Amino acid sequence: MPADNTSTRNNGLVIKTIAIKEDENIIITMNYDYYHTLCIYSGNSCKADSWIAALVVDVCDLSDDTIKSYLKIRLLEMASRSQNMLYGTTAKIEEAKIISVEHGL
């Protein structure tokens, strides 16, 4: 598991920097609703951050678009398994967006 993950919040966006290798990061930009929903379904922000990092490390060699799609699918899966659908449907998740995923140094 990567040891150096950071998060910033700016203008309704959450930016996650996930260290995947010693000299390589993946930067995920998502809207706050997506991150907040993930925190609710996973239990808290620490668990959400660990969940994101674990998923990203598993698929870090794939394209940015593929990682983005994979993260969205996994959140939908998590929401569908949840016993407590806080928003009643998955519509709130469908509206939530991962803005970008990009490999960086």
N, C-alpha and C. Protein backbone atom coordinates (compact mmCIF):
# COMPACT_ATOMS: atom_id res chain seq x y z
N MET A 1 0.85 -1.17 0.00
CA MET A 1 0.00 0.00 0.00
C MET A 1 0.90 1.24 0.00
N PRO A 2 0.61 2.23 -0.82
CA PRO A 2 1.42 3.43 -0.85
C PRO A 2 1.41 4.15 0.50
N ALA A 3 2.53 4.70 0.88
CA ALA A 3 2.61 5.36 2.17
C ALA A 3 2.31 6.85 2.09
N ASP A 4 2.46 7.45 0.92
CA ASP A 4 2.35 8.89 0.81
C ASP A 4 1.18 9.29 -0.07
N ASN A 5 0.01 9.44 0.53
CA ASN A 5 -1.17 9.87 -0.19
C ASN A 5 -1.61 11.20 0.38
N THR A 6 -1.99 12.13 -0.49
CA THR A 6 -2.40 13.44 -0.03
C THR A 6 -3.75 13.79 -0.62
N SER A 7 -4.39 14.76 0.02
CA SER A 7 -5.71 15.18 -0.41
C SER A 7 -5.83 16.69 -0.22
N THR A 8 -6.44 17.33 -1.18
CA THR A 8 -6.75 18.75 -1.04
C THR A 8 -8.18 18.97 -1.51
N ARG A 9 -8.80 20.02 -0.99
CA ARG A 9 -10.16 20.38 -1.39
C ARG A 9 -10.13 21.81 -1.88
N ASN A 10 -10.67 22.03 -3.08
CA ASN A 10 -10.61 23.35 -3.69
C ASN A 10 -11.82 23.55 -4.59
N ASN A 11 -12.62 24.58 -4.32
CA ASN A 11 -13.76 24.93 -5.17
C ASN A 11 -14.69 23.76 -5.45
N GLY A 12 -15.04 23.00 -4.43
CA GLY A 12 -15.96 21.88 -4.60
C GLY A 12 -15.32 20.64 -5.19
N LEU A 13 -14.02 20.66 -5.37
CA LEU A 13 -13.31 19.50 -5.90
C LEU A 13 -12.40 18.92 -4.84
N VAL A 14 -12.25 17.62 -4.87
CA VAL A 14 -11.29 16.93 -4.02
C VAL A 14 -10.23 16.36 -4.93
N ILE A 15 -8.98 16.65 -4.62
CA ILE A 15 -7.86 16.17 -5.43
C ILE A 15 -7.04 15.21 -4.58
N LYS A 16 -6.96 13.97 -5.04
CA LYS A 16 -6.22 12.92 -4.34
C LYS A 16 -4.95 12.62 -5.12
N THR A 17 -3.83 12.63 -4.43
CA THR A 17 -2.56 12.22 -5.04
C THR A 17 -2.16 10.90 -4.40
N ILE A 18 -2.13 9.86 -5.20
CA ILE A 18 -1.82 8.51 -4.73
C ILE A 18 -0.44 8.13 -5.23
N ALA A 19 0.46 7.84 -4.29
CA ALA A 19 1.81 7.39 -4.66
C ALA A 19 1.73 5.91 -5.04
N ILE A 20 2.05 5.62 -6.30
CA ILE A 20 1.96 4.23 -6.75
C ILE A 20 3.33 3.57 -6.87
N LYS A 21 4.33 4.37 -7.10
CA LYS A 21 5.71 3.90 -7.15
C LYS A 21 6.55 4.99 -6.52
N GLU A 22 7.80 4.71 -6.31
CA GLU A 22 8.67 5.69 -5.66
C GLU A 22 8.69 7.03 -6.39
N ASP A 23 8.63 7.00 -7.70
CA ASP A 23 8.74 8.24 -8.47
C ASP A 23 7.51 8.52 -9.33
N GLU A 24 6.37 7.90 -9.00
CA GLU A 24 5.17 8.10 -9.83
C GLU A 24 3.92 8.19 -8.96
N ASN A 25 3.05 9.13 -9.32
CA ASN A 25 1.79 9.34 -8.63
C ASN A 25 0.65 9.25 -9.62
N ILE A 26 -0.53 8.98 -9.10
CA ILE A 26 -1.75 9.15 -9.87
C ILE A 26 -2.56 10.21 -9.16
N ILE A 27 -3.00 11.19 -9.92
CA ILE A 27 -3.76 12.31 -9.35
C ILE A 27 -5.21 12.14 -9.78
N ILE A 28 -6.10 12.06 -8.81
CA ILE A 28 -7.52 11.88 -9.07
C ILE A 28 -8.24 13.15 -8.63
N THR A 29 -8.98 13.74 -9.54
CA THR A 29 -9.80 14.91 -9.22
C THR A 29 -11.26 14.49 -9.31
N MET A 30 -11.99 14.70 -8.22
CA MET A 30 -13.40 14.31 -8.19
C MET A 30 -14.21 15.42 -7.53
N ASN A 31 -15.50 15.47 -7.81
CA ASN A 31 -16.28 16.48 -7.12
C ASN A 31 -16.52 16.04 -5.69
N TYR A 32 -16.83 17.00 -4.85
CA TYR A 32 -16.99 16.73 -3.43
C TYR A 32 -18.10 15.71 -3.17
N ASP A 33 -19.19 15.77 -3.95
CA ASP A 33 -20.30 14.83 -3.74
C ASP A 33 -19.84 13.39 -3.89
N TYR A 34 -18.99 13.13 -4.87
CA TYR A 34 -18.48 11.78 -5.08
C TYR A 34 -17.68 11.33 -3.86
N TYR A 35 -16.77 12.19 -3.41
CA TYR A 35 -15.93 11.82 -2.27
C TYR A 35 -16.76 11.67 -1.00
N HIS A 36 -17.68 12.59 -0.79
CA HIS A 36 -18.53 12.53 0.40
C HIS A 36 -19.36 11.24 0.41
N THR A 37 -19.92 10.87 -0.73
CA THR A 37 -20.69 9.64 -0.83
C THR A 37 -19.80 8.43 -0.54
N LEU A 38 -18.60 8.45 -1.07
CA LEU A 38 -17.65 7.37 -0.81
C LEU A 38 -17.33 7.28 0.69
N CYS A 39 -17.14 8.41 1.34
CA CYS A 39 -16.86 8.42 2.78
C CYS A 39 -18.02 7.82 3.57
N ILE A 40 -19.25 8.15 3.17
CA ILE A 40 -20.43 7.62 3.85
C ILE A 40 -20.51 6.11 3.67
N TYR A 41 -20.34 5.63 2.45
CA TYR A 41 -20.46 4.20 2.20
C TYR A 41 -19.32 3.39 2.79
N SER A 42 -18.14 3.97 2.86
CA SER A 42 -17.01 3.21 3.41
C SER A 42 -16.89 3.35 4.92
N GLY A 43 -17.48 4.38 5.50
CA GLY A 43 -17.45 4.54 6.96
C GLY A 43 -16.85 5.85 7.42
N ASN A 44 -15.78 6.29 6.77
CA ASN A 44 -15.16 7.57 7.10
C ASN A 44 -14.11 7.91 6.04
N SER A 45 -13.52 9.09 6.17
CA SER A 45 -12.59 9.54 5.14
C SER A 45 -11.30 8.71 5.09
N CYS A 46 -10.83 8.24 6.23
CA CYS A 46 -9.61 7.42 6.24
C CYS A 46 -9.84 6.11 5.48
N LYS A 47 -10.98 5.48 5.71
CA LYS A 47 -11.30 4.24 5.00
C LYS A 47 -11.50 4.52 3.52
N ALA A 48 -12.14 5.63 3.20
CA ALA A 48 -12.35 5.99 1.79
C ALA A 48 -11.01 6.19 1.10
N ASP A 49 -10.08 6.89 1.75
CA ASP A 49 -8.76 7.13 1.16
C ASP A 49 -8.01 5.81 0.94
N SER A 50 -8.09 4.92 1.90
CA SER A 50 -7.42 3.62 1.77
C SER A 50 -8.05 2.80 0.65
N TRP A 51 -9.36 2.86 0.54
CA TRP A 51 -10.09 2.13 -0.51
C TRP A 51 -9.68 2.64 -1.88
N ILE A 52 -9.64 3.96 -2.04
CA ILE A 52 -9.23 4.56 -3.32
C ILE A 52 -7.80 4.13 -3.65
N ALA A 53 -6.91 4.26 -2.68
CA ALA A 53 -5.50 3.93 -2.92
C ALA A 53 -5.33 2.46 -3.31
N ALA A 54 -6.03 1.57 -2.63
CA ALA A 54 -5.92 0.14 -2.94
C ALA A 54 -6.42 -0.15 -4.35
N LEU A 55 -7.52 0.46 -4.73
CA LEU A 55 -8.05 0.24 -6.08
C LEU A 55 -7.10 0.78 -7.14
N VAL A 56 -6.58 1.97 -6.90
CA VAL A 56 -5.69 2.60 -7.88
C VAL A 56 -4.40 1.80 -8.04
N VAL A 57 -3.83 1.34 -6.96
CA VAL A 57 -2.60 0.56 -7.04
C VAL A 57 -2.83 -0.73 -7.84
N ASP A 58 -4.01 -1.32 -7.70
CA ASP A 58 -4.31 -2.55 -8.44
C ASP A 58 -4.37 -2.34 -9.95
N VAL A 59 -4.75 -1.13 -10.39
CA VAL A 59 -4.95 -0.88 -11.83
C VAL A 59 -4.05 0.24 -12.36
N CYS A 60 -3.00 0.57 -11.64
CA CYS A 60 -2.17 1.73 -11.97
C CYS A 60 -1.48 1.64 -13.33
N ASP A 61 -1.32 0.44 -13.86
CA ASP A 61 -0.67 0.29 -15.16
C ASP A 61 -1.63 0.49 -16.34
N LEU A 62 -2.91 0.65 -16.05
CA LEU A 62 -3.90 0.86 -17.10
C LEU A 62 -3.98 2.34 -17.46
N SER A 63 -4.75 2.64 -18.51
CA SER A 63 -4.88 4.03 -18.95
C SER A 63 -5.67 4.85 -17.93
N ASP A 64 -5.49 6.16 -18.00
CA ASP A 64 -6.19 7.05 -17.09
C ASP A 64 -7.70 6.90 -17.21
N ASP A 65 -8.20 6.81 -18.43
CA ASP A 65 -9.65 6.65 -18.64
C ASP A 65 -10.16 5.34 -18.06
N THR A 66 -9.37 4.29 -18.16
CA THR A 66 -9.77 3.00 -17.62
C THR A 66 -9.82 3.05 -16.10
N ILE A 67 -8.85 3.68 -15.49
CA ILE A 67 -8.84 3.83 -14.02
C ILE A 67 -10.07 4.62 -13.59
N LYS A 68 -10.37 5.69 -14.29
CA LYS A 68 -11.53 6.53 -13.98
C LYS A 68 -12.82 5.71 -14.04
N SER A 69 -12.99 4.94 -15.09
CA SER A 69 -14.19 4.10 -15.24
C SER A 69 -14.25 3.04 -14.15
N TYR A 70 -13.12 2.45 -13.84
CA TYR A 70 -13.06 1.41 -12.82
C TYR A 70 -13.48 1.95 -11.45
N LEU A 71 -12.99 3.13 -11.10
CA LEU A 71 -13.36 3.73 -9.81
C LEU A 71 -14.85 3.99 -9.73
N LYS A 72 -15.43 4.49 -10.81
CA LYS A 72 -16.87 4.77 -10.81
C LYS A 72 -17.67 3.48 -10.67
N ILE A 73 -17.27 2.44 -11.39
CA ILE A 73 -17.98 1.16 -11.30
C ILE A 73 -17.91 0.60 -9.89
N ARG A 74 -16.74 0.68 -9.28
CA ARG A 74 -16.58 0.14 -7.93
C ARG A 74 -17.40 0.90 -6.90
N LEU A 75 -17.54 2.23 -7.05
CA LEU A 75 -18.38 2.99 -6.13
C LEU A 75 -19.84 2.60 -6.30
N LEU A 76 -20.28 2.43 -7.55
CA LEU A 76 -21.65 1.99 -7.78
C LEU A 76 -21.90 0.62 -7.15
N GLU A 77 -20.91 -0.26 -7.27
CA GLU A 77 -21.01 -1.58 -6.67
C GLU A 77 -21.11 -1.47 -5.15
N MET A 78 -20.28 -0.62 -4.55
CA MET A 78 -20.30 -0.43 -3.10
C MET A 78 -21.67 0.09 -2.67
N ALA A 79 -22.21 1.05 -3.41
CA ALA A 79 -23.50 1.63 -3.06
C ALA A 79 -24.62 0.60 -3.18
N SER A 80 -24.56 -0.24 -4.20
CA SER A 80 -25.63 -1.22 -4.40
C SER A 80 -25.61 -2.29 -3.31
N ARG A 81 -24.45 -2.55 -2.72
CA ARG A 81 -24.34 -3.54 -1.65
C ARG A 81 -24.68 -2.96 -0.28
N SER A 82 -24.70 -1.63 -0.19
CA SER A 82 -24.92 -0.99 1.10
C SER A 82 -26.32 -1.29 1.63
N GLN A 83 -26.40 -1.58 2.89
CA GLN A 83 -27.70 -1.81 3.53
C GLN A 83 -28.44 -0.50 3.79
N ASN A 84 -27.72 0.59 3.83
CA ASN A 84 -28.32 1.88 4.15
C ASN A 84 -28.13 2.82 2.96
N MET A 85 -29.05 2.80 2.03
CA MET A 85 -28.96 3.69 0.87
C MET A 85 -29.38 5.09 1.31
N LEU A 86 -28.42 5.89 1.69
CA LEU A 86 -28.69 7.19 2.27
C LEU A 86 -29.44 8.13 1.34
N TYR A 87 -29.25 7.96 0.06
CA TYR A 87 -29.90 8.86 -0.88
C TYR A 87 -31.10 8.21 -1.56
N GLY A 88 -31.47 7.02 -1.16
CA GLY A 88 -32.64 6.36 -1.71
C GLY A 88 -32.36 5.60 -2.99
N THR A 89 -31.56 6.14 -3.87
CA THR A 89 -31.21 5.47 -5.13
C THR A 89 -29.75 5.75 -5.41
N THR A 90 -29.28 5.21 -6.49
CA THR A 90 -27.91 5.50 -6.89
C THR A 90 -27.84 6.76 -7.73
N ALA A 91 -28.93 7.51 -7.86
CA ALA A 91 -28.94 8.72 -8.68
C ALA A 91 -27.89 9.72 -8.21
N LYS A 92 -27.73 9.88 -6.92
CA LYS A 92 -26.75 10.82 -6.39
C LYS A 92 -25.34 10.42 -6.84
N ILE A 93 -25.07 9.13 -6.87
CA ILE A 93 -23.75 8.67 -7.32
C ILE A 93 -23.59 8.89 -8.82
N GLU A 94 -24.65 8.66 -9.56
CA GLU A 94 -24.58 8.87 -11.01
C GLU A 94 -24.26 10.31 -11.34
N GLU A 95 -24.76 11.25 -10.51
CA GLU A 95 -24.48 12.66 -10.73
C GLU A 95 -23.05 13.02 -10.32
N ALA A 96 -22.52 12.29 -9.36
CA ALA A 96 -21.18 12.57 -8.87
C ALA A 96 -20.17 12.18 -9.94
N LYS A 97 -19.15 12.95 -10.05
CA LYS A 97 -18.19 12.74 -11.14
C LYS A 97 -16.76 12.62 -10.64
N ILE A 98 -16.04 11.72 -11.27
CA ILE A 98 -14.59 11.76 -11.18
C ILE A 98 -14.19 12.61 -12.37
N ILE A 99 -13.64 13.76 -12.11
CA ILE A 99 -13.33 14.72 -13.16
C ILE A 99 -12.17 14.23 -14.01
N SER A 100 -11.12 13.78 -13.35
CA SER A 100 -9.96 13.32 -14.11
C SER A 100 -9.11 12.35 -13.29
N VAL A 101 -8.38 11.55 -14.02
CA VAL A 101 -7.35 10.67 -13.46
C VAL A 101 -6.15 10.85 -14.36
N GLU A 102 -5.01 11.16 -13.77
CA GLU A 102 -3.82 11.35 -14.60
C GLU A 102 -2.57 10.87 -13.88
N HIS A 103 -1.70 10.28 -14.64
CA HIS A 103 -0.41 9.88 -14.12
C HIS A 103 0.49 11.10 -14.01
N GLY A 104 1.19 11.21 -12.92
CA GLY A 104 2.13 12.32 -12.74
C GLY A 104 3.41 11.84 -12.11
N LEU A 105 4.36 12.71 -12.04
CA LEU A 105 5.65 12.36 -11.43
C LEU A 105 5.80 13.03 -10.10
